[in-house]
Amino acid sequence: MNINKLVFRNFKTLENVSFEPGRVNVFIGANGSGKTTVLEAIGLLCAAMTDRIDNSSMQRKGIRLSVPGLYKSAFSDLKRKAPTINFDVSWSQNEKNYQYAVNLNVPNESDSARRDMWRYHSEKLTVNNETVWGRSGASKTTYDPYVGLLMLEPNEELAEVRTEIEKFKNYAIYQPNTQALRGTLPDPYQVNPIGLCGGRLAEAIEEIIRKDEDGESYLQDLPLDDVLELIDWASGFDVASPKKSSVNAAVPTSRRILEFQDRYLTSKTSFTAYDASEGALYVLFLLCLALHPDAPGIFAVDSFDHAMHPRLARETTRLFCKTILEQDKTVFVTTHNPLVLDGLDLMNDDIRLFAVNKSRKSGHTTLQRIQITKELMDSGYSLSRLWTEGRLGGVPNL
């Protein structure tokens, strides 16, 4: 599946935003410019396509819960407030072009029974520019206005497309935190195979590296040599049960833990994720998302570079992009680290960089794809330097 275009209208600061994504999509911009809002708009679209939108479905996708009045664009420069929030996605598969469009009403707080449920105003699916299914308030059939019906409607023409639509179902925004990665605190948003905050990292890694009787991986081989180049102090790592010899009795822990071997210590000395550097845990977390077959095929990571040294972030970006493309996944990430850009091969059209800016006059968020031009290549500057000097956009107006 190739996602060709995404369109968002009247959602928060996205009054009218569209862009054409690749496989790896990196968003740069000032704090508060709307980067996370773009990730959330994708999540709401995916929820509308495959299930419904309410507080529960939004939390499963890592979307911030707001009061209804804050979801819809309400810019002072607009003559009138838009009646609905609109999402639109186009994709291609098996030489066919698909487009799904949905118009939604935010929850009505006066309805106590369904005060957190979004209401469908209309839905439509087209294949090669021909409408194959749709519904609206004018439809002759009575529909449940609070449930997405694209995956439920008994329509034979929808059967072949549902396999592709299913790929949108597990989209989520991952925001790992160190305590969840260490296993010392439960992940409040635990999903399979790894939580949105990094819960069950050890179990997910174990599922990747576990071998059968013939020494073959059950799932996939973790690129161990590449990982150990990134975690340069480690000679190896494994997954085990916590022991008194490796975990202090006062430290809460999960049933399975990561154990690292330090190349500078004796071979019998190992320590757990609790004592390891957080940068190593973030590297393993990102590669687990990219490699694990049960991880979403389409997902997002907010603050991709969190807890990593700039150079580590650059090299992790290179390996992460390579793995995502090999596994045929699609990812959307945000970053504030200039060296992440130096890990992107923007000559590969599957890897795309977008500057997110917010108008100081109107407050509207805009997206602009940054493409390598001859002028940029001839400048002799790295992408990180071009960004920090303000030549790519996506910088604060200070």
Protein backbone atom coordinates (compact mmCIF):
# COMPACT_ATOMS: atom_id res chain seq x y z
CA MET A 1 0.00 0.00 0.00
CA ASN A 2 1.17 3.51 -0.86
CA ILE A 3 -0.55 6.42 0.87
CA ASN A 4 -0.77 9.09 -1.81
CA LYS A 5 -2.35 12.04 -0.01
CA LEU A 6 -3.77 13.12 3.35
CA VAL A 7 -6.14 16.07 3.79
CA PHE A 8 -7.29 17.63 7.08
CA ARG A 9 -9.80 20.45 7.39
CA ASN A 10 -11.14 22.29 10.44
CA PHE A 11 -9.28 20.22 13.05
CA LYS A 12 -7.57 22.34 15.71
CA THR A 13 -4.93 24.47 13.93
CA LEU A 14 -5.30 22.47 10.68
CA GLU A 15 -7.82 24.69 8.96
CA ASN A 16 -6.90 23.29 5.52
CA VAL A 17 -3.76 21.15 5.33
CA SER A 18 -2.79 18.48 2.82
CA PHE A 19 0.42 16.65 1.99
CA GLU A 20 1.73 13.65 0.05
CA PRO A 21 3.57 11.28 2.40
CA GLY A 22 6.33 8.79 1.69
CA ARG A 23 7.26 5.73 3.75
CA VAL A 24 9.29 7.69 6.30
CA ASN A 25 7.90 11.14 7.06
CA VAL A 26 9.73 13.55 9.35
CA PHE A 27 8.10 16.74 10.65
CA ILE A 28 10.20 19.62 11.94
CA GLY A 29 8.90 22.85 13.40
CA ALA A 30 8.80 25.15 16.39
CA ASN A 31 7.11 24.12 19.63
CA GLY A 32 3.38 24.64 19.26
CA SER A 33 3.48 24.78 15.45
CA GLY A 34 1.16 21.78 15.05
CA LYS A 35 3.45 18.76 14.53
CA THR A 36 1.68 16.58 17.11
CA THR A 37 -1.68 17.80 15.82
CA VAL A 38 -0.82 16.34 12.40
CA LEU A 39 -0.08 12.96 14.02
CA GLU A 40 -3.39 13.16 15.92
CA ALA A 41 -5.34 14.02 12.77
CA ILE A 42 -3.98 10.86 11.13
CA GLY A 43 -5.04 8.90 14.22
CA LEU A 44 -8.59 10.27 14.14
CA LEU A 45 -8.86 9.45 10.44
CA CYS A 46 -7.69 5.88 11.08
CA ALA A 47 -10.17 5.48 13.95
CA ALA A 48 -13.03 6.82 11.83
CA MET A 49 -12.19 4.41 8.98
CA THR A 50 -11.96 1.27 11.06
CA ASP A 51 -14.02 1.66 14.22
CA ARG A 52 -15.47 4.80 15.83
CA ILE A 53 -14.17 7.89 17.61
CA ASP A 54 -14.62 8.19 21.35
CA ASN A 55 -12.33 8.69 24.33
CA SER A 56 -11.40 5.00 24.45
CA SER A 57 -10.42 4.72 20.78
CA MET A 58 -8.50 7.99 20.96
CA GLN A 59 -6.49 6.90 23.99
CA ARG A 60 -5.59 3.60 22.28
CA LYS A 61 -4.08 5.67 19.49
CA GLY A 62 -2.18 8.03 21.78
CA ILE A 63 -4.35 11.06 20.99
CA ARG A 64 -4.73 13.78 23.63
CA LEU A 65 -8.25 14.12 25.01
CA SER A 66 -9.63 17.66 24.87
CA VAL A 67 -12.98 19.27 25.58
CA PRO A 68 -15.18 19.20 22.44
CA GLY A 69 -14.87 22.93 21.85
CA LEU A 70 -11.10 22.63 21.27
CA TYR A 71 -11.23 20.01 18.51
CA LYS A 72 -12.77 22.21 15.84
CA SER A 73 -10.89 25.10 14.25
CA ALA A 74 -12.11 28.42 15.65
CA PHE A 75 -9.79 31.00 14.14
CA SER A 76 -10.80 34.63 14.58
CA ASP A 77 -10.12 35.36 10.89
CA LEU A 78 -12.78 32.89 9.70
CA LYS A 79 -16.12 34.50 8.89
CA ARG A 80 -18.03 31.53 10.22
CA LYS A 81 -17.19 28.36 12.07
CA ALA A 82 -17.03 25.22 9.90
CA PRO A 83 -19.95 22.84 10.55
CA THR A 84 -17.85 19.63 10.48
CA ILE A 85 -14.28 18.31 10.73
CA ASN A 86 -13.16 16.70 7.46
CA PHE A 87 -10.54 14.00 6.89
CA ASP A 88 -9.53 12.51 3.55
CA VAL A 89 -6.99 9.84 2.56
CA SER A 90 -5.99 8.50 -0.87
CA TRP A 91 -3.94 5.37 -1.43
CA SER A 92 -3.06 2.95 -4.22
CA GLN A 93 -2.88 -0.83 -4.19
CA ASN A 94 -2.91 -3.48 -6.93
CA GLU A 95 -3.11 -0.85 -9.68
CA LYS A 96 -6.24 0.69 -8.14
CA ASN A 97 -6.65 4.13 -6.57
CA TYR A 98 -8.76 4.44 -3.43
CA GLN A 99 -10.08 7.47 -1.59
CA TYR A 100 -11.90 7.64 1.73
CA ALA A 101 -13.51 10.85 2.98
CA VAL A 102 -15.35 11.44 6.24
CA ASN A 103 -17.11 14.46 7.78
CA LEU A 104 -17.49 14.41 11.56
CA ASN A 105 -19.27 16.34 14.29
CA VAL A 106 -17.52 16.71 17.64
CA PRO A 107 -19.22 15.25 20.74
CA ASN A 108 -22.31 16.97 22.11
CA GLU A 109 -21.78 17.41 25.84
CA SER A 110 -25.50 17.86 26.41
CA ASP A 111 -26.05 14.21 25.39
CA SER A 112 -25.12 12.50 28.66
CA ALA A 113 -25.40 9.00 27.17
CA ARG A 114 -22.90 9.68 24.35
CA ARG A 115 -21.07 12.77 25.49
CA ASP A 116 -17.64 11.50 24.31
CA MET A 117 -18.75 10.02 20.95
CA TRP A 118 -18.13 11.74 17.62
CA ARG A 119 -21.02 11.72 15.16
CA TYR A 120 -20.60 10.78 11.50
CA HIS A 121 -22.09 13.36 9.15
CA SER A 122 -21.02 11.48 6.00
CA GLU A 123 -18.62 8.82 4.72
CA LYS A 124 -17.59 7.93 1.18
CA LEU A 125 -15.25 5.44 -0.50
CA THR A 126 -14.28 5.77 -4.16
CA VAL A 127 -12.28 3.34 -6.30
CA ASN A 128 -10.70 4.73 -9.46
CA ASN A 129 -12.83 7.88 -9.02
CA GLU A 130 -16.07 5.86 -8.87
CA THR A 131 -18.12 5.88 -5.65
CA VAL A 132 -18.59 2.30 -4.40
CA TRP A 133 -20.05 3.10 -0.98
CA GLY A 134 -21.22 6.03 1.06
CA ARG A 135 -23.67 7.30 3.63
CA SER A 136 -24.98 10.64 4.84
CA GLY A 137 -27.95 12.18 6.56
CA ALA A 138 -29.77 12.03 3.23
CA SER A 139 -29.31 8.24 2.88
CA LYS A 140 -32.51 6.20 2.63
CA THR A 141 -31.07 3.56 4.94
CA THR A 142 -30.98 4.37 8.65
CA TYR A 143 -27.44 4.15 9.99
CA ASP A 144 -25.93 4.35 13.46
CA PRO A 145 -24.37 7.82 13.29
CA TYR A 146 -21.82 7.02 16.01
CA VAL A 147 -20.16 4.00 14.39
CA GLY A 148 -17.90 3.80 11.35
CA LEU A 149 -19.52 1.40 8.90
CA LEU A 150 -16.83 1.00 6.25
CA MET A 151 -15.61 -2.25 7.84
CA LEU A 152 -19.11 -3.47 8.77
CA GLU A 153 -21.32 -2.76 5.77
CA PRO A 154 -22.37 -6.06 4.05
CA ASN A 155 -21.22 -4.92 0.61
CA GLU A 156 -19.35 -7.35 -1.65
CA GLU A 157 -17.59 -4.50 -3.43
CA LEU A 158 -15.92 -3.55 -0.14
CA ALA A 159 -14.57 -7.05 0.59
CA GLU A 160 -11.35 -6.74 -1.40
CA VAL A 161 -10.49 -3.30 -0.02
CA ARG A 162 -11.04 -4.19 3.64
CA THR A 163 -7.72 -6.05 3.85
CA GLU A 164 -5.95 -2.82 2.96
CA ILE A 165 -8.13 -0.67 5.21
CA GLU A 166 -7.27 -3.02 8.09
CA LYS A 167 -3.70 -1.67 7.96
CA PHE A 168 -4.96 1.68 9.23
CA LYS A 169 -6.66 0.09 12.24
CA ASN A 170 -3.65 -0.26 14.53
CA TYR A 171 -2.14 3.16 13.88
CA ALA A 172 -0.93 4.72 17.12
CA ILE A 173 1.27 7.58 18.29
CA TYR A 174 4.15 6.26 20.40
CA GLN A 175 5.68 8.48 23.07
CA PRO A 176 8.12 6.30 25.02
CA ASN A 177 9.20 7.25 28.52
CA THR A 178 12.19 5.95 30.41
CA GLN A 179 10.38 4.36 33.37
CA ALA A 180 8.09 2.30 31.15
CA LEU A 181 11.09 1.21 29.04
CA ARG A 182 12.95 0.16 32.18
CA GLY A 183 9.90 -1.83 33.32
CA THR A 184 9.69 -0.05 36.67
CA LEU A 185 6.27 1.47 35.95
CA PRO A 186 3.32 -0.07 34.08
CA ASP A 187 2.49 1.39 30.69
CA PRO A 188 -0.87 3.23 30.90
CA TYR A 189 -1.44 2.53 27.18
CA GLN A 190 -0.38 -1.09 26.74
CA VAL A 191 -1.04 -2.52 23.28
CA ASN A 192 0.41 -5.51 21.47
CA PRO A 193 3.33 -6.06 21.09
CA ILE A 194 4.72 -2.96 22.83
CA GLY A 195 2.99 -0.16 24.75
CA LEU A 196 2.68 3.40 23.53
CA CYS A 197 5.05 4.46 26.33
CA GLY A 198 7.42 1.49 25.85
CA GLY A 199 5.84 -1.13 28.11
CA ARG A 200 6.77 -4.79 27.49
CA LEU A 201 9.94 -3.81 25.63
CA ALA A 202 11.78 -6.87 26.96
CA GLU A 203 9.00 -9.26 25.92
CA ALA A 204 8.78 -7.71 22.45
CA ILE A 205 12.55 -7.97 21.96
CA GLU A 206 12.45 -11.58 23.14
CA GLU A 207 9.80 -12.40 20.54
CA ILE A 208 12.12 -11.06 17.84
CA ILE A 209 15.32 -12.83 18.93
CA ARG A 210 13.84 -16.11 20.21
CA LYS A 211 15.18 -19.15 18.35
CA ASP A 212 13.65 -22.54 17.57
CA GLU A 213 15.41 -25.91 17.99
CA ASP A 214 17.29 -25.41 14.71
CA GLY A 215 18.55 -22.00 15.78
CA GLU A 216 16.24 -20.11 13.42
CA SER A 217 14.41 -16.97 14.54
CA TYR A 218 10.70 -17.40 15.15
CA LEU A 219 10.02 -13.93 13.81
CA GLN A 220 12.94 -11.84 12.54
CA ASP A 221 16.60 -11.33 13.24
CA LEU A 222 17.47 -8.16 15.09
CA PRO A 223 20.47 -6.59 13.25
CA LEU A 224 22.68 -7.21 16.28
CA ASP A 225 25.93 -5.88 14.80
CA ASP A 226 24.22 -2.63 13.80
CA VAL A 227 22.59 -2.29 17.21
CA LEU A 228 25.86 -2.85 19.06
CA GLU A 229 27.52 -0.17 16.92
CA LEU A 230 24.89 2.24 18.23
CA ILE A 231 25.16 0.99 21.83
CA ASP A 232 28.94 1.09 21.72
CA TRP A 233 29.54 0.16 25.37
CA ALA A 234 27.58 -3.12 25.10
CA SER A 235 29.03 -6.42 23.93
CA GLY A 236 25.60 -8.05 23.93
CA PHE A 237 22.18 -8.24 25.55
CA ASP A 238 19.54 -10.84 26.34
CA VAL A 239 16.11 -11.20 27.93
CA ALA A 240 15.72 -13.03 31.24
CA SER A 241 13.68 -13.25 34.42
CA PRO A 242 14.64 -10.83 37.21
CA LYS A 243 17.08 -12.24 39.79
CA LYS A 244 18.25 -11.03 43.18
CA SER A 245 21.77 -10.84 41.80
CA SER A 246 20.78 -8.37 39.07
CA VAL A 247 17.85 -6.35 40.47
CA ASN A 248 17.72 -4.62 43.83
CA ALA A 249 14.82 -5.97 45.90
CA ALA A 250 13.47 -2.43 46.35
CA VAL A 251 13.13 -1.89 42.59
CA PRO A 252 9.75 -2.81 41.02
CA THR A 253 10.16 -4.78 37.83
CA SER A 254 8.29 -6.75 35.16
CA ARG A 255 8.36 -10.52 34.67
CA ARG A 256 10.90 -10.32 31.83
CA ILE A 257 13.80 -7.88 31.77
CA LEU A 258 16.61 -6.84 29.46
CA GLU A 259 20.12 -7.76 30.56
CA PHE A 260 23.18 -6.10 29.03
CA GLN A 261 26.80 -7.19 28.95
CA ASP A 262 29.29 -4.32 29.17
CA ARG A 263 32.41 -4.82 27.02
CA TYR A 264 34.54 -3.15 29.71
CA LEU A 265 33.42 -5.41 32.56
CA THR A 266 34.10 -9.06 33.29
CA SER A 267 32.12 -11.56 31.23
CA LYS A 268 30.13 -12.67 34.28
CA THR A 269 28.95 -9.15 35.05
CA SER A 270 25.63 -8.04 33.55
CA PHE A 271 23.08 -5.40 34.43
CA THR A 272 19.45 -4.78 33.62
CA ALA A 273 17.51 -2.09 31.81
CA TYR A 274 17.13 -0.36 35.19
CA ASP A 275 20.87 0.36 35.24
CA ALA A 276 21.41 0.78 31.49
CA SER A 277 21.58 4.13 29.71
CA GLU A 278 18.18 5.34 28.55
CA GLY A 279 19.57 6.02 25.07
CA ALA A 280 20.14 2.28 24.59
CA LEU A 281 16.53 1.55 25.54
CA TYR A 282 15.19 4.11 23.08
CA VAL A 283 17.29 2.58 20.27
CA LEU A 284 15.89 -0.89 21.00
CA PHE A 285 12.36 0.48 21.28
CA LEU A 286 12.49 2.14 17.84
CA LEU A 287 14.01 -0.90 16.14
CA CYS A 288 11.44 -3.15 17.80
CA LEU A 289 8.62 -1.04 16.33
CA ALA A 290 10.25 -1.20 12.91
CA LEU A 291 10.96 -4.95 13.00
CA HIS A 292 8.23 -6.68 14.98
CA PRO A 293 5.62 -8.13 12.60
CA ASP A 294 2.83 -7.52 15.13
CA ALA A 295 3.71 -3.83 15.47
CA PRO A 296 1.53 -1.53 13.35
CA GLY A 297 2.30 -1.24 9.66
CA ILE A 298 1.43 2.46 9.93
CA PHE A 299 2.44 4.33 13.09
CA ALA A 300 3.89 7.54 14.50
CA VAL A 301 6.59 8.47 17.01
CA ASP A 302 6.34 11.85 18.71
CA SER A 303 9.73 13.33 19.72
CA PHE A 304 11.70 10.65 17.89
CA ASP A 305 15.05 11.85 19.23
CA HIS A 306 14.07 11.85 22.91
CA ALA A 307 16.89 10.92 25.32
CA MET A 308 19.47 10.33 22.58
CA HIS A 309 22.72 12.18 22.01
CA PRO A 310 22.57 14.08 18.68
CA ARG A 311 25.08 11.76 16.98
CA LEU A 312 23.31 8.68 18.29
CA ALA A 313 20.02 10.11 17.00
CA ARG A 314 21.58 10.59 13.55
CA GLU A 315 22.87 7.02 13.27
CA THR A 316 19.67 5.57 14.77
CA THR A 317 17.70 7.50 12.15
CA ARG A 318 19.73 5.88 9.35
CA LEU A 319 19.17 2.36 10.66
CA PHE A 320 15.52 3.04 11.49
CA CYS A 321 14.79 4.35 7.96
CA LYS A 322 16.55 1.37 6.38
CA THR A 323 14.54 -1.07 8.51
CA ILE A 324 11.19 0.67 7.89
CA LEU A 325 11.71 0.48 4.12
CA GLU A 326 12.80 -3.17 4.27
CA GLN A 327 9.71 -4.08 6.33
CA ASP A 328 7.41 -2.10 3.99
CA LYS A 329 5.98 0.02 6.80
CA THR A 330 4.92 3.68 6.94
CA VAL A 331 5.94 5.97 9.79
CA PHE A 332 5.36 9.60 10.78
CA VAL A 333 7.80 11.15 13.27
CA THR A 334 8.46 14.55 14.83
CA THR A 335 11.86 15.80 15.93
CA HIS A 336 13.63 18.83 17.37
CA ASN A 337 17.12 17.42 16.87
CA PRO A 338 18.92 18.87 13.82
CA LEU A 339 21.18 15.83 13.46
CA VAL A 340 18.17 13.59 12.83
CA LEU A 341 17.98 15.34 9.45
CA ASP A 342 21.55 14.32 8.67
CA GLY A 343 20.43 10.69 9.02
CA LEU A 344 17.84 11.10 6.24
CA ASP A 345 18.57 10.14 2.64
CA LEU A 346 16.32 12.70 0.99
CA MET A 347 17.46 11.57 -2.44
CA ASN A 348 15.25 8.53 -1.77
CA ASP A 349 11.69 9.62 -2.54
CA ASP A 350 10.33 7.21 0.09
CA ILE A 351 11.93 9.39 2.78
CA ARG A 352 10.34 12.84 3.06
CA LEU A 353 10.92 15.88 5.24
CA PHE A 354 8.22 18.44 6.05
CA ALA A 355 8.49 21.85 7.69
CA VAL A 356 5.53 22.66 9.94
CA ASN A 357 4.92 26.37 10.42
CA LYS A 358 2.27 28.37 12.23
CA SER A 359 1.21 31.75 10.89
CA ARG A 360 1.93 34.53 13.36
CA LYS A 361 -0.96 36.49 11.82
CA SER A 362 -3.74 33.89 11.70
CA GLY A 363 -2.51 30.93 13.78
CA HIS A 364 -3.10 28.47 10.89
CA THR A 365 -0.70 25.54 10.58
CA THR A 366 0.92 24.93 7.18
CA LEU A 367 3.02 22.06 5.84
CA GLN A 368 5.74 22.35 3.25
CA ARG A 369 7.78 19.47 1.88
CA ILE A 370 11.51 20.17 1.87
CA GLN A 371 13.20 18.74 -1.21
CA ILE A 372 16.88 18.71 -1.99
CA THR A 373 17.65 21.25 -4.68
CA LYS A 374 20.86 21.93 -6.58
CA GLU A 375 21.23 25.16 -4.64
CA LEU A 376 21.08 23.31 -1.31
CA MET A 377 23.49 20.61 -2.48
CA ASP A 378 25.97 23.21 -3.76
CA SER A 379 25.87 25.13 -0.48
CA GLY A 380 28.19 22.58 1.12
CA TYR A 381 26.15 22.72 4.32
CA SER A 382 24.53 19.79 6.10
CA LEU A 383 20.76 19.67 6.46
CA SER A 384 21.17 20.20 10.21
CA ARG A 385 23.04 23.46 9.64
CA LEU A 386 20.57 24.63 7.00
CA TRP A 387 17.72 24.02 9.44
CA THR A 388 19.28 25.77 12.41
CA GLU A 389 20.13 28.74 10.18
CA GLY A 390 16.46 29.00 9.20
CA ARG A 391 16.90 28.13 5.53
CA LEU A 392 14.51 25.15 5.59
CA GLY A 393 11.65 26.68 7.61
CA GLY A 394 10.20 25.03 10.69
CA VAL A 395 11.96 27.34 13.17
CA PRO A 396 10.49 29.56 15.88
CA ASN A 397 10.12 33.30 15.31
CA LEU A 398 12.16 34.53 18.25
